[in-house]
Amino acid sequence: MAVATANNETMTDRRATKQQLLLLTIGSILLCPANASLSSSILLPKSAVRHNKLNRPPSFLQKNDLVQFPIEKCRGGALSKTNNNNDPEISKSSRDNKNPVKSIITITSILTIATLSYQNRTTLQTFFNREKFRTAILQTLNNIASRGHKGLFLYTIGFIFWECCGLPTSVVETAAAAAFGFKGGLIGSFVGKTCGSILAFTLGRTLLSNVVGEKMEENDVFGLVERGVQRHPVKSSLIVRYSPFPQLIKNFALSLTKPVTFPIFLLAICIHGFPFSLLWAALGNDSSMRLRASEMGESMAANVVLNSLLVFVTVFGFVVSPAITGWWLADLRNES
């Protein structure tokens, strides 16, 4: 009888302890002010939440034998708007906002641009005068063309590094054809663009492989591209080259995919690059001829073929290319 009485008393004490703990929790929650900070919390015995150990919400923080449970989460109300000065992330953000370096750089850049604009105000006024602008363009084109093969060689070398950096090429190729003519512009642009892509591909596979790999791993799309290249290297390389991805991504992304060898990459850039170089060379040469004709007071008929090709390229770049790329990536996601 004594043992039974002791067991009953122990069970009664445990129930009383649990009831007191529950009342203490509810009372603390109800008495907590509405604007309590996130640091307000209740310390519960670890055994009280041991049964929910595997599915604990992320707001539980274990510290030694206690589990810290934020009151704001338990109340279900909105989070406190009071700033917590003890939070290292908030403190770091505040320090960054107070850092005057960005403001100094912005002010310096504005002053520099304003100064250069004032010093070159005569040249800038040329852009707003049609006759002066046309005369300046003709003079520049004549100066470049007068250098002959030397100027074309320097342009090709410069265009190699331009393409390697992933910068836009259509405007540059058009201007080159306007300066060197259709044949010279086509040769210089196509050779420069091809060699620049090969240089970027080589750097991405050798010296810059670690840097490019870290950047590409952060992008989920690259994982799909890599999977597609492993299955169909030539087809995937062509889709990537014709895709709306930036030029820098087209070159360096393919450099990380082992199935894409140098011959496959060279084939892809030639199939993709030559038609566009041909188009921009024709556009630049046609623009130069029209400009010189207008200088002599003559006029030229519209080039229907060239205009039609420009419309086709525009539609392809804004509609067809993104659609094909999207379908290709969607199929890769479904297969995975």
Protein backbone atom coordinates (compact mmCIF):
# COMPACT_ATOMS: atom_id res chain seq x y z
CA MET A 1 0.00 0.00 0.00
CA ALA A 2 2.81 2.36 0.83
CA VAL A 3 4.42 1.75 -2.55
CA ALA A 4 1.15 2.34 -4.39
CA THR A 5 0.58 5.53 -2.44
CA ALA A 6 4.07 6.76 -3.32
CA ASN A 7 3.55 6.02 -7.00
CA ASN A 8 0.23 7.86 -6.97
CA GLU A 9 1.83 10.86 -5.31
CA THR A 10 4.67 10.86 -7.89
CA MET A 11 2.20 10.77 -10.79
CA THR A 12 0.16 13.51 -9.18
CA ASP A 13 3.28 15.67 -8.78
CA ARG A 14 4.20 15.13 -12.44
CA ARG A 15 0.72 16.11 -13.61
CA ALA A 16 0.85 19.17 -11.39
CA THR A 17 4.25 20.10 -12.79
CA LYS A 18 2.99 19.76 -16.35
CA GLN A 19 -0.11 21.83 -15.52
CA GLN A 20 2.04 24.52 -13.92
CA LEU A 21 4.33 24.54 -16.94
CA LEU A 22 1.39 24.85 -19.31
CA LEU A 23 -0.17 27.66 -17.24
CA LEU A 24 3.18 29.44 -17.08
CA THR A 25 3.56 29.20 -20.86
CA ILE A 26 0.03 30.45 -21.59
CA GLY A 27 0.33 33.22 -19.04
CA SER A 28 3.63 34.42 -20.45
CA ILE A 29 2.20 34.45 -23.96
CA LEU A 30 -0.92 36.37 -22.97
CA LEU A 31 0.99 38.86 -20.85
CA CYS A 32 3.61 39.50 -23.53
CA PRO A 33 3.14 43.02 -25.04
CA ALA A 34 2.20 43.24 -28.69
CA ASN A 35 5.41 45.03 -29.62
CA ALA A 36 7.71 42.52 -27.95
CA SER A 37 11.04 42.10 -29.69
CA LEU A 38 12.14 38.92 -31.34
CA SER A 39 14.56 38.30 -28.53
CA SER A 40 11.66 37.62 -26.13
CA SER A 41 11.38 33.89 -25.58
CA ILE A 42 10.35 31.11 -23.27
CA LEU A 43 12.86 28.58 -22.03
CA LEU A 44 11.26 25.16 -21.90
CA PRO A 45 12.82 21.97 -20.59
CA LYS A 46 14.30 19.90 -23.37
CA SER A 47 12.20 16.93 -22.33
CA ALA A 48 9.02 18.92 -22.96
CA VAL A 49 9.73 19.03 -26.69
CA ARG A 50 11.69 15.82 -27.06
CA HIS A 51 8.75 14.09 -28.69
CA ASN A 52 8.77 16.69 -31.47
CA LYS A 53 12.50 16.60 -32.01
CA LEU A 54 12.45 15.43 -35.61
CA ASN A 55 9.83 17.91 -36.82
CA ARG A 56 10.76 21.00 -34.90
CA PRO A 57 10.18 24.30 -36.67
CA PRO A 58 13.31 26.27 -37.54
CA SER A 59 12.47 28.87 -34.89
CA PHE A 60 13.54 26.43 -32.14
CA LEU A 61 17.06 27.06 -30.97
CA GLN A 62 18.71 24.47 -28.77
CA LYS A 63 21.06 25.73 -26.13
CA ASN A 64 22.55 23.19 -23.72
CA ASP A 65 19.53 21.47 -22.09
CA LEU A 66 17.03 24.18 -23.01
CA VAL A 67 15.06 24.97 -26.12
CA GLN A 68 14.44 28.63 -26.85
CA PHE A 69 11.09 29.30 -28.50
CA PRO A 70 10.34 32.87 -29.72
CA ILE A 71 7.08 34.17 -28.28
CA GLU A 72 6.17 36.09 -31.43
CA LYS A 73 6.05 32.82 -33.39
CA CYS A 74 3.81 31.20 -30.76
CA ARG A 75 1.37 34.11 -30.66
CA GLY A 76 0.89 34.00 -34.39
CA GLY A 77 0.94 37.76 -34.67
CA ALA A 78 3.04 39.92 -36.95
CA LEU A 79 6.73 40.11 -36.33
CA SER A 80 8.00 42.95 -34.28
CA LYS A 81 9.05 46.06 -36.15
CA THR A 82 11.49 46.99 -33.45
CA ASN A 83 15.07 46.78 -34.68
CA ASN A 84 17.30 44.38 -32.84
CA ASN A 85 20.63 46.05 -32.38
CA ASN A 86 22.18 42.79 -31.18
CA ASP A 87 21.56 41.06 -34.52
CA PRO A 88 24.92 40.97 -36.35
CA GLU A 89 23.27 40.90 -39.79
CA ILE A 90 21.17 43.99 -39.07
CA SER A 91 24.17 45.77 -37.60
CA LYS A 92 26.23 44.91 -40.67
CA SER A 93 23.49 46.20 -42.96
CA SER A 94 23.32 49.43 -40.98
CA ARG A 95 27.06 49.91 -41.25
CA ASP A 96 26.92 49.30 -44.99
CA ASN A 97 24.19 51.92 -45.38
CA LYS A 98 26.26 54.41 -43.45
CA ASN A 99 29.35 53.69 -45.50
CA PRO A 100 30.05 56.87 -47.53
CA VAL A 101 32.20 55.13 -50.14
CA LYS A 102 29.29 54.55 -52.52
CA SER A 103 28.18 58.15 -52.24
CA ILE A 104 31.70 59.39 -52.91
CA ILE A 105 32.03 57.18 -55.98
CA THR A 106 28.67 58.35 -57.33
CA ILE A 107 29.48 62.02 -56.83
CA THR A 108 32.93 61.61 -58.37
CA SER A 109 31.49 59.83 -61.42
CA ILE A 110 28.90 62.56 -61.95
CA LEU A 111 31.51 65.30 -61.69
CA THR A 112 33.84 63.46 -64.08
CA ILE A 113 31.12 62.99 -66.69
CA ALA A 114 30.05 66.61 -66.37
CA THR A 115 33.64 67.82 -66.77
CA LEU A 116 34.32 65.67 -69.83
CA SER A 117 31.02 66.72 -71.37
CA TYR A 118 31.88 70.39 -70.91
CA GLN A 119 35.38 69.98 -72.34
CA ASN A 120 34.02 68.12 -75.40
CA ARG A 121 30.86 70.13 -75.80
CA THR A 122 31.75 71.03 -79.39
CA THR A 123 32.03 67.36 -80.33
CA LEU A 124 28.81 66.48 -78.54
CA GLN A 125 26.92 69.20 -80.38
CA THR A 126 27.74 67.35 -83.57
CA PHE A 127 25.36 64.53 -82.63
CA PHE A 128 22.44 66.97 -82.60
CA ASN A 129 23.27 68.47 -85.98
CA ARG A 130 22.45 66.14 -88.86
CA GLU A 131 24.84 67.64 -91.39
CA LYS A 132 27.77 67.85 -89.00
CA PHE A 133 27.11 64.34 -87.76
CA ARG A 134 27.10 62.92 -91.29
CA THR A 135 30.26 64.84 -92.17
CA ALA A 136 32.01 63.54 -89.02
CA ILE A 137 31.07 59.95 -89.85
CA LEU A 138 32.33 60.26 -93.42
CA GLN A 139 35.59 61.75 -92.25
CA THR A 140 36.07 58.97 -89.69
CA LEU A 141 35.32 56.27 -92.26
CA ASN A 142 37.73 57.78 -94.76
CA ASN A 143 40.49 57.99 -92.16
CA ILE A 144 40.05 54.33 -91.22
CA ALA A 145 39.81 53.15 -94.82
CA SER A 146 42.95 55.08 -95.75
CA ARG A 147 45.02 52.84 -93.48
CA GLY A 148 44.26 49.87 -95.70
CA HIS A 149 45.34 46.42 -94.58
CA LYS A 150 47.09 47.77 -91.49
CA GLY A 151 43.85 49.26 -90.20
CA LEU A 152 41.95 46.06 -91.00
CA PHE A 153 44.56 44.00 -89.13
CA LEU A 154 44.35 46.26 -86.05
CA TYR A 155 40.57 46.05 -86.14
CA THR A 156 40.69 42.23 -86.29
CA ILE A 157 43.06 42.02 -83.32
CA GLY A 158 40.91 44.39 -81.28
CA PHE A 159 37.75 42.52 -82.25
CA ILE A 160 39.23 39.25 -80.96
CA PHE A 161 39.45 40.64 -77.43
CA TRP A 162 36.07 42.35 -77.87
CA GLU A 163 34.44 39.00 -78.62
CA CYS A 164 36.37 37.26 -75.84
CA CYS A 165 34.88 39.69 -73.32
CA GLY A 166 31.37 38.88 -74.55
CA LEU A 167 30.54 42.40 -75.73
CA PRO A 168 27.87 43.12 -78.40
CA THR A 169 29.21 42.59 -81.91
CA SER A 170 26.49 43.58 -84.38
CA VAL A 171 27.12 47.32 -84.20
CA VAL A 172 30.89 46.85 -84.42
CA GLU A 173 30.64 44.54 -87.45
CA THR A 174 28.32 46.99 -89.20
CA ALA A 175 30.70 49.89 -88.59
CA ALA A 176 33.66 47.81 -89.81
CA ALA A 177 31.94 47.06 -93.11
CA ALA A 178 31.09 50.73 -93.49
CA ALA A 179 34.78 51.59 -93.07
CA PHE A 180 36.53 48.73 -94.92
CA GLY A 181 33.85 47.77 -97.39
CA PHE A 182 31.85 44.56 -97.65
CA LYS A 183 34.75 42.19 -98.26
CA GLY A 184 37.16 43.70 -95.75
CA GLY A 185 34.51 44.05 -93.07
CA LEU A 186 33.29 40.48 -93.53
CA ILE A 187 36.78 38.99 -93.32
CA GLY A 188 37.89 41.07 -90.35
CA SER A 189 34.66 40.54 -88.41
CA PHE A 190 34.33 36.81 -89.03
CA VAL A 191 37.98 36.06 -88.29
CA GLY A 192 37.98 38.26 -85.19
CA LYS A 193 34.72 36.83 -83.88
CA THR A 194 35.80 33.24 -84.48
CA CYS A 195 39.23 33.68 -82.89
CA GLY A 196 37.69 35.57 -79.95
CA SER A 197 35.23 32.76 -79.28
CA ILE A 198 38.01 30.17 -79.46
CA LEU A 199 40.13 32.26 -77.06
CA ALA A 200 37.26 32.46 -74.56
CA PHE A 201 36.60 28.73 -74.94
CA THR A 202 40.27 27.95 -74.32
CA LEU A 203 40.50 30.21 -71.25
CA GLY A 204 37.33 28.71 -69.83
CA ARG A 205 38.74 25.22 -70.18
CA THR A 206 42.23 26.03 -68.81
CA LEU A 207 43.17 29.14 -66.83
CA LEU A 208 39.68 30.28 -65.86
CA SER A 209 38.09 26.86 -65.41
CA ASN A 210 37.76 27.16 -61.62
CA VAL A 211 36.32 30.68 -61.73
CA VAL A 212 33.89 29.88 -64.53
CA GLY A 213 32.89 26.62 -62.83
CA GLU A 214 32.00 28.38 -59.58
CA LYS A 215 29.90 30.96 -61.42
CA MET A 216 28.09 28.40 -63.53
CA GLU A 217 27.28 26.13 -60.61
CA GLU A 218 25.20 28.93 -59.10
CA ASN A 219 22.89 28.83 -62.14
CA ASP A 220 20.34 26.02 -62.42
CA VAL A 221 20.06 26.51 -66.19
CA PHE A 222 23.69 25.50 -66.65
CA GLY A 223 22.91 22.12 -65.13
CA LEU A 224 20.27 21.58 -67.81
CA VAL A 225 22.63 22.76 -70.54
CA GLU A 226 25.31 20.37 -69.32
CA ARG A 227 22.83 17.50 -69.30
CA GLY A 228 21.71 18.31 -72.83
CA VAL A 229 25.28 18.56 -74.10
CA GLN A 230 26.11 15.15 -72.67
CA ARG A 231 23.27 13.60 -74.69
CA HIS A 232 23.55 15.56 -77.95
CA PRO A 233 26.77 17.63 -78.10
CA VAL A 234 26.39 19.10 -81.61
CA LYS A 235 22.67 19.82 -81.36
CA SER A 236 22.98 21.35 -77.89
CA SER A 237 25.97 23.47 -78.93
CA LEU A 238 24.01 24.94 -81.82
CA ILE A 239 21.00 25.66 -79.63
CA VAL A 240 23.20 27.41 -77.07
CA ARG A 241 24.89 29.49 -79.79
CA TYR A 242 21.53 30.56 -81.25
CA SER A 243 19.96 31.10 -77.82
CA PRO A 244 19.30 34.55 -76.33
CA PHE A 245 21.97 33.91 -73.69
CA PRO A 246 24.69 36.58 -73.42
CA GLN A 247 27.71 36.02 -75.64
CA LEU A 248 29.93 35.54 -72.62
CA ILE A 249 27.76 32.67 -71.39
CA LYS A 250 27.69 31.05 -74.83
CA ASN A 251 31.47 30.83 -74.95
CA PHE A 252 32.39 30.00 -71.36
CA ALA A 253 29.46 27.70 -70.58
CA LEU A 254 30.32 25.38 -73.44
CA SER A 255 33.96 25.36 -72.35
CA LEU A 256 32.98 23.51 -69.16
CA THR A 257 31.15 20.73 -70.97
CA LYS A 258 33.62 17.97 -71.79
CA PRO A 259 31.58 16.42 -74.66
CA VAL A 260 32.00 19.67 -76.62
CA THR A 261 35.42 19.32 -78.22
CA PHE A 262 37.27 22.01 -80.17
CA PRO A 263 36.02 20.73 -83.56
CA ILE A 264 32.41 20.71 -82.35
CA PHE A 265 32.75 24.20 -80.89
CA LEU A 266 34.40 25.49 -84.07
CA LEU A 267 31.61 24.00 -86.16
CA ALA A 268 28.96 25.63 -83.94
CA ILE A 269 30.50 29.10 -84.02
CA CYS A 270 31.00 28.96 -87.80
CA ILE A 271 27.41 27.86 -88.49
CA HIS A 272 26.11 30.51 -86.10
CA GLY A 273 28.58 33.31 -86.71
CA PHE A 274 29.10 33.44 -90.48
CA PRO A 275 25.48 34.23 -91.51
CA PHE A 276 25.31 37.08 -89.02
CA SER A 277 28.71 38.44 -90.06
CA LEU A 278 27.50 38.31 -93.65
CA LEU A 279 24.33 40.21 -92.76
CA TRP A 280 26.07 42.92 -90.73
CA ALA A 281 28.72 43.37 -93.41
CA ALA A 282 26.02 43.86 -96.03
CA LEU A 283 24.20 46.33 -93.79
CA GLY A 284 27.36 48.33 -93.09
CA ASN A 285 28.37 48.46 -96.74
CA ASP A 286 24.86 49.49 -97.80
CA SER A 287 24.76 52.21 -95.14
CA SER A 288 28.15 53.55 -96.26
CA MET A 289 27.07 53.66 -99.90
CA ARG A 290 23.87 55.50 -99.03
CA LEU A 291 25.75 57.96 -96.87
CA ARG A 292 28.23 58.75 -99.63
CA ALA A 293 25.44 59.00 -102.19
CA SER A 294 23.55 61.49 -100.04
CA GLU A 295 26.76 63.53 -99.71
CA MET A 296 26.81 63.82 -103.51
CA GLY A 297 23.12 64.69 -103.66
CA GLU A 298 22.05 61.31 -105.05
CA SER A 299 19.56 58.78 -103.77
CA MET A 300 19.45 54.98 -103.81
CA ALA A 301 16.49 52.63 -104.05
CA ALA A 302 15.56 50.56 -101.04
CA ASN A 303 17.29 47.22 -100.70
CA VAL A 304 14.32 44.89 -100.39
CA VAL A 305 16.41 41.77 -99.76
CA LEU A 306 18.46 43.36 -97.01
CA ASN A 307 15.40 44.85 -95.33
CA SER A 308 13.63 41.48 -95.45
CA LEU A 309 16.63 39.77 -93.86
CA LEU A 310 16.72 42.36 -91.08
CA VAL A 311 13.03 41.76 -90.35
CA PHE A 312 13.61 38.00 -90.30
CA VAL A 313 16.58 38.33 -87.93
CA THR A 314 14.57 40.59 -85.63
CA VAL A 315 11.67 38.14 -85.44
CA PHE A 316 14.06 35.23 -85.00
CA GLY A 317 15.95 36.96 -82.20
CA PHE A 318 12.91 38.09 -80.23
CA VAL A 319 10.47 35.22 -80.87
CA VAL A 320 11.90 32.09 -82.48
CA SER A 321 15.19 31.84 -80.59
CA PRO A 322 13.71 32.26 -77.08
CA ALA A 323 10.91 29.81 -77.94
CA ILE A 324 13.29 27.10 -79.17
CA THR A 325 15.56 27.58 -76.17
CA GLY A 326 12.61 27.45 -73.77
CA TRP A 327 11.24 24.23 -75.29
CA TRP A 328 14.67 22.65 -75.18
CA LEU A 329 15.17 23.50 -71.50
CA ALA A 330 11.62 22.35 -70.69
CA ASP A 331 12.27 18.97 -72.30
CA LEU A 332 15.47 18.59 -70.31
CA ARG A 333 13.59 19.36 -67.07
CA ASN A 334 10.91 16.81 -67.89
CA GLU A 335 13.48 14.13 -68.72
CA SER A 336 15.26 14.70 -65.42
